[in-house]
């Protein structure tokens, strides 16, 4: 049973909807994601000597897509948000 259900109609003509909801597991995963990304930012604060703003933007985009992928209820939107995680992860690891 999902709590905090939210349905967002994106394009009414094409009937495109995004449904969000939280259950016990996704709530724990969202809290863990926020805690771990805050910890990663704090631990990497002194080691990143150049392009600090780019790293922080990648961290926040990564956090945004992770929270969306844990809270979305449709499989197609989960796939889109989960694949969106790969771009900032590639930039964080590669740069």
Protein backbone atom coordinates (compact mmCIF):
# COMPACT_ATOMS: atom_id res chain seq x y z
CA UNK A 1 0.00 0.00 0.00
CA UNK A 2 1.48 3.30 -1.09
CA UNK A 3 1.29 6.47 0.93
CA UNK A 4 1.58 10.04 -0.34
CA UNK A 5 0.27 9.26 -3.81
CA UNK A 6 0.66 11.98 -6.40
CA UNK A 7 -0.35 11.80 -10.03
CA UNK A 8 1.02 14.44 -12.36
CA UNK A 9 -0.59 14.81 -15.79
CA UNK A 10 2.18 15.99 -18.06
CA UNK A 11 0.41 16.18 -21.43
CA UNK A 12 -3.35 15.78 -21.32
CA UNK A 13 -3.70 15.41 -25.08
CA UNK A 14 -1.33 12.43 -25.23
CA UNK A 15 -2.43 11.04 -21.84
CA UNK A 16 1.09 11.08 -20.41
CA UNK A 17 1.05 10.73 -16.63
CA UNK A 18 3.68 10.31 -13.95
CA UNK A 19 2.57 8.68 -10.69
CA UNK A 20 4.63 8.96 -7.52
CA UNK A 21 4.17 7.15 -4.23
CA UNK A 22 6.05 6.07 -1.14
CA UNK A 23 5.99 2.82 0.77
CA UNK A 24 8.19 1.65 3.61
CA UNK A 25 11.06 0.38 1.47
CA UNK A 26 11.22 3.39 -0.86
CA UNK A 27 11.09 5.79 2.09
CA UNK A 28 14.09 4.06 3.69
CA UNK A 29 15.96 4.06 0.36
CA UNK A 30 15.31 7.78 -0.16
CA UNK A 31 16.54 8.59 3.35
CA UNK A 32 19.62 6.41 2.82
CA UNK A 33 20.31 8.09 -0.53
CA UNK A 34 20.14 11.56 0.97
CA UNK A 35 22.37 10.58 3.89
CA UNK A 36 24.98 8.86 1.72
CA UNK A 37 25.21 11.66 -0.83
CA UNK A 38 25.62 14.21 1.95
CA UNK A 39 28.35 12.02 3.41
CA UNK A 40 30.03 11.70 -0.01
CA UNK A 41 30.01 15.47 -0.47
CA UNK A 42 31.46 16.07 2.98
CA UNK A 43 34.19 13.45 2.57
CA UNK A 44 35.23 14.60 -0.89
CA UNK A 45 35.23 18.30 0.00
CA UNK A 46 39.00 18.46 0.65
CA UNK A 47 40.11 16.03 -2.06
CA UNK A 48 38.43 17.82 -4.98
CA UNK A 49 40.83 20.59 -5.90
CA UNK A 50 39.41 21.71 -9.25
CA UNK A 51 35.94 22.01 -10.76
CA UNK A 52 34.20 21.79 -7.40
CA UNK A 53 30.99 23.31 -8.78
CA UNK A 54 30.81 20.68 -11.53
CA UNK A 55 31.18 17.89 -8.97
CA UNK A 56 28.46 19.35 -6.75
CA UNK A 57 26.08 19.76 -9.69
CA UNK A 58 26.69 16.13 -10.68
CA UNK A 59 26.04 15.01 -7.10
CA UNK A 60 22.76 16.91 -6.92
CA UNK A 61 21.57 15.68 -10.34
CA UNK A 62 22.43 12.16 -9.22
CA UNK A 63 20.46 12.63 -6.01
CA UNK A 64 17.50 14.04 -7.95
CA UNK A 65 17.33 11.05 -10.31
CA UNK A 66 17.80 8.56 -7.46
CA UNK A 67 14.93 10.04 -5.45
CA UNK A 68 12.73 10.06 -8.54
CA UNK A 69 13.57 6.46 -9.41
CA UNK A 70 12.77 5.30 -5.87
CA UNK A 71 9.44 7.11 -5.75
CA UNK A 72 7.98 6.64 -9.24
CA UNK A 73 5.29 3.99 -9.67
CA UNK A 74 5.45 3.36 -13.43
CA UNK A 75 8.02 0.99 -14.90
CA UNK A 76 8.72 3.14 -17.96
CA UNK A 77 9.43 6.25 -15.89
CA UNK A 78 11.56 4.15 -13.51
CA UNK A 79 13.66 3.04 -16.46
CA UNK A 80 14.03 6.62 -17.74
CA UNK A 81 15.05 7.97 -14.32
CA UNK A 82 17.36 5.02 -13.65
CA UNK A 83 19.13 5.53 -16.97
CA UNK A 84 19.43 9.23 -16.13
CA UNK A 85 21.59 8.21 -13.17
CA UNK A 86 24.28 6.96 -15.53
CA UNK A 87 25.18 10.38 -16.97
CA UNK A 88 26.23 12.08 -13.70
CA UNK A 89 27.86 8.86 -12.50
CA UNK A 90 29.92 8.71 -15.68
CA UNK A 91 31.00 12.32 -15.18
CA UNK A 92 31.84 11.78 -11.50
CA UNK A 93 33.89 8.65 -12.12
CA UNK A 94 35.46 9.78 -15.38
CA UNK A 95 36.43 13.26 -14.30
